[in-house]
Amino acid sequence: MPAKMNSPDPKTGTLSAVGEKLNIDAELLPFFKEEAAEIFTNLEKTLVAWEANPGDKTATKTIYRMFHTLKGSANSIGLSPIGRLSHSMEQIMKSVSEERSHPSPHALVPAIRTISTGLQILLQELSPDSCCPRLFAELESKVGVIRNGLLP
């Protein structure tokens, strides 16, 4: 039976994961969590570097690649809600790294940290049946706000 999805949010165009049933590969989940923890650790280091040097193009590309990797890994084990959130952040960072949007790192970094922290909590609370729909909806809303403020 397909997942029950809410209607797309008119502001963000995204779907929420309320009631979404996941088909998580339980054998790969521990490896995904380990990889994600490493991504979040490296993400924080990169955010610190970007704050210290706002003109650092390497930092924006690295952040983009981290969300790209997280998206692919999440989708490959059946965590499509995390894959969708990561894809949204990937698109935001792609816009920044390609200089289609020009946010100050001092404005964007706290928002990225909020999403990163939320994703880490989401992974801690993850069960094979659910992807913490309330937290997911909150994160999805925050990503939408970031995207609406940055992307043309």
Protein backbone atom coordinates (compact mmCIF):
# COMPACT_ATOMS: atom_id res chain seq x y z
CA MET A 1 0.00 0.00 0.00
CA PRO A 2 1.47 3.41 -0.91
CA ALA A 3 2.39 5.87 1.79
CA LYS A 4 -0.27 8.32 2.85
CA MET A 5 1.07 11.68 1.84
CA ASN A 6 -0.25 15.10 2.65
CA SER A 7 -0.99 17.54 -0.13
CA PRO A 8 1.98 19.55 -1.35
CA ASP A 9 2.61 22.66 0.68
CA PRO A 10 1.76 25.60 -1.57
CA LYS A 11 4.77 27.57 -0.28
CA THR A 12 7.39 24.84 -0.64
CA GLY A 13 5.88 22.40 -3.12
CA THR A 14 7.05 19.53 -0.92
CA LEU A 15 5.19 16.58 0.50
CA SER A 16 5.33 15.61 4.13
CA ALA A 17 6.02 12.17 5.50
CA VAL A 18 3.00 12.03 7.80
CA GLY A 19 1.98 8.39 8.00
CA GLU A 20 4.62 7.36 5.49
CA LYS A 21 5.57 3.72 5.78
CA LEU A 22 9.20 3.12 5.16
CA ASN A 23 10.86 0.10 3.64
CA ILE A 24 14.19 0.44 5.40
CA ASP A 25 16.94 -2.06 4.74
CA ALA A 26 17.54 -3.04 8.37
CA GLU A 27 20.89 -4.63 7.58
CA LEU A 28 22.26 -1.42 6.06
CA LEU A 29 20.73 1.00 8.58
CA PRO A 30 23.67 0.84 11.06
CA PHE A 31 26.12 1.55 8.22
CA PHE A 32 23.99 4.46 7.05
CA LYS A 33 23.85 5.90 10.57
CA GLU A 34 27.63 5.62 10.84
CA GLU A 35 28.13 7.32 7.47
CA ALA A 36 25.62 10.04 8.36
CA ALA A 37 27.39 10.72 11.67
CA GLU A 38 30.64 11.19 9.78
CA ILE A 39 28.92 13.52 7.30
CA PHE A 40 27.46 15.62 10.13
CA THR A 41 30.86 15.86 11.85
CA ASN A 42 32.53 16.98 8.62
CA LEU A 43 29.63 19.30 7.85
CA GLU A 44 30.16 21.14 11.12
CA LYS A 45 33.88 21.52 10.41
CA THR A 46 33.09 22.88 6.95
CA LEU A 47 30.50 25.30 8.34
CA VAL A 48 33.07 26.65 10.80
CA ALA A 49 35.55 27.11 7.93
CA TRP A 50 32.94 28.86 5.76
CA GLU A 51 32.02 31.23 8.59
CA ALA A 52 35.70 32.08 9.05
CA ASN A 53 36.20 32.63 5.32
CA PRO A 54 32.89 33.65 3.68
CA GLY A 55 34.48 33.78 0.23
CA ASP A 56 35.54 30.13 0.39
CA LYS A 57 33.95 28.52 -2.69
CA THR A 58 35.36 25.14 -1.71
CA ALA A 59 33.26 25.16 1.47
CA THR A 60 29.98 25.70 -0.39
CA LYS A 61 30.80 22.93 -2.86
CA THR A 62 31.77 20.60 -0.04
CA ILE A 63 28.50 21.26 1.81
CA TYR A 64 26.62 20.62 -1.44
CA ARG A 65 28.44 17.28 -1.90
CA MET A 66 27.74 16.25 1.71
CA PHE A 67 24.00 16.70 1.26
CA HIS A 68 24.25 14.93 -2.11
CA THR A 69 25.94 11.94 -0.46
CA LEU A 70 23.44 11.89 2.40
CA LYS A 71 20.57 11.98 -0.11
CA GLY A 72 21.89 9.06 -2.12
CA SER A 73 22.67 6.95 0.93
CA ALA A 74 19.28 7.62 2.52
CA ASN A 75 17.40 6.76 -0.65
CA SER A 76 19.44 3.61 -1.20
CA ILE A 77 18.30 2.09 2.11
CA GLY A 78 14.68 3.22 1.91
CA LEU A 79 14.82 6.45 3.92
CA SER A 80 13.14 8.54 1.26
CA PRO A 81 11.99 11.31 3.67
CA ILE A 82 15.60 11.97 4.66
CA GLY A 83 16.55 11.67 1.00
CA ARG A 84 14.02 14.37 0.09
CA LEU A 85 15.19 16.72 2.84
CA SER A 86 18.80 16.18 1.81
CA HIS A 87 17.89 16.79 -1.83
CA SER A 88 16.31 20.11 -0.91
CA MET A 89 19.41 21.17 1.01
CA GLU A 90 21.58 19.93 -1.85
CA GLN A 91 19.67 22.18 -4.27
CA ILE A 92 20.02 25.16 -1.95
CA MET A 93 23.78 24.64 -1.68
CA LYS A 94 24.07 24.05 -5.42
CA SER A 95 22.49 27.47 -5.98
CA VAL A 96 24.97 29.01 -3.55
CA SER A 97 28.02 27.19 -4.97
CA GLU A 98 27.02 28.15 -8.52
CA GLU A 99 26.54 31.74 -7.30
CA ARG A 100 22.88 31.89 -8.33
CA SER A 101 22.12 33.06 -4.80
CA HIS A 102 24.40 35.05 -2.53
CA PRO A 103 23.53 34.53 1.12
CA SER A 104 25.92 35.49 3.85
CA PRO A 105 27.36 32.41 5.54
CA HIS A 106 26.50 34.14 8.82
CA ALA A 107 22.83 34.02 7.80
CA LEU A 108 22.79 30.57 6.18
CA VAL A 109 25.07 28.60 8.53
CA PRO A 110 22.67 28.72 11.52
CA ALA A 111 19.87 27.45 9.28
CA ILE A 112 22.05 24.61 8.00
CA ARG A 113 23.00 23.75 11.58
CA THR A 114 19.32 23.60 12.52
CA ILE A 115 18.63 21.18 9.67
CA SER A 116 21.74 19.12 10.50
CA THR A 117 20.78 18.87 14.17
CA GLY A 118 17.22 17.94 13.26
CA LEU A 119 18.40 15.23 10.88
CA GLN A 120 20.66 13.83 13.59
CA ILE A 121 17.73 13.69 16.04
CA LEU A 122 15.58 12.14 13.33
CA LEU A 123 18.14 9.38 12.86
CA GLN A 124 18.36 8.73 16.60
CA GLU A 125 14.58 8.38 16.87
CA LEU A 126 14.20 6.38 13.68
CA SER A 127 12.22 3.16 13.78
CA PRO A 128 11.63 0.69 10.95
CA ASP A 129 7.99 1.83 10.72
CA SER A 130 8.17 5.57 10.93
CA CYS A 131 10.40 8.52 10.23
CA CYS A 132 9.27 10.73 13.13
CA PRO A 133 6.59 12.55 11.12
CA ARG A 134 6.27 15.58 13.41
CA LEU A 135 10.00 16.31 13.40
CA PHE A 136 10.21 15.60 9.69
CA ALA A 137 7.38 18.07 9.01
CA GLU A 138 9.16 20.73 11.10
CA LEU A 139 12.42 20.21 9.23
CA GLU A 140 10.67 20.20 5.88
CA SER A 141 9.04 23.52 6.77
CA LYS A 142 12.40 25.02 7.78
CA VAL A 143 14.01 23.85 4.54
CA GLY A 144 11.13 25.44 2.63
CA VAL A 145 11.72 28.76 4.38
CA ILE A 146 15.43 28.62 3.52
CA ARG A 147 14.70 27.69 -0.10
CA ASN A 148 12.07 30.40 -0.51
CA GLY A 149 14.49 32.97 0.82
CA LEU A 150 17.34 31.94 -1.47
CA LEU A 151 16.22 30.42 -4.71
CA PRO A 152 14.80 32.44 -7.58
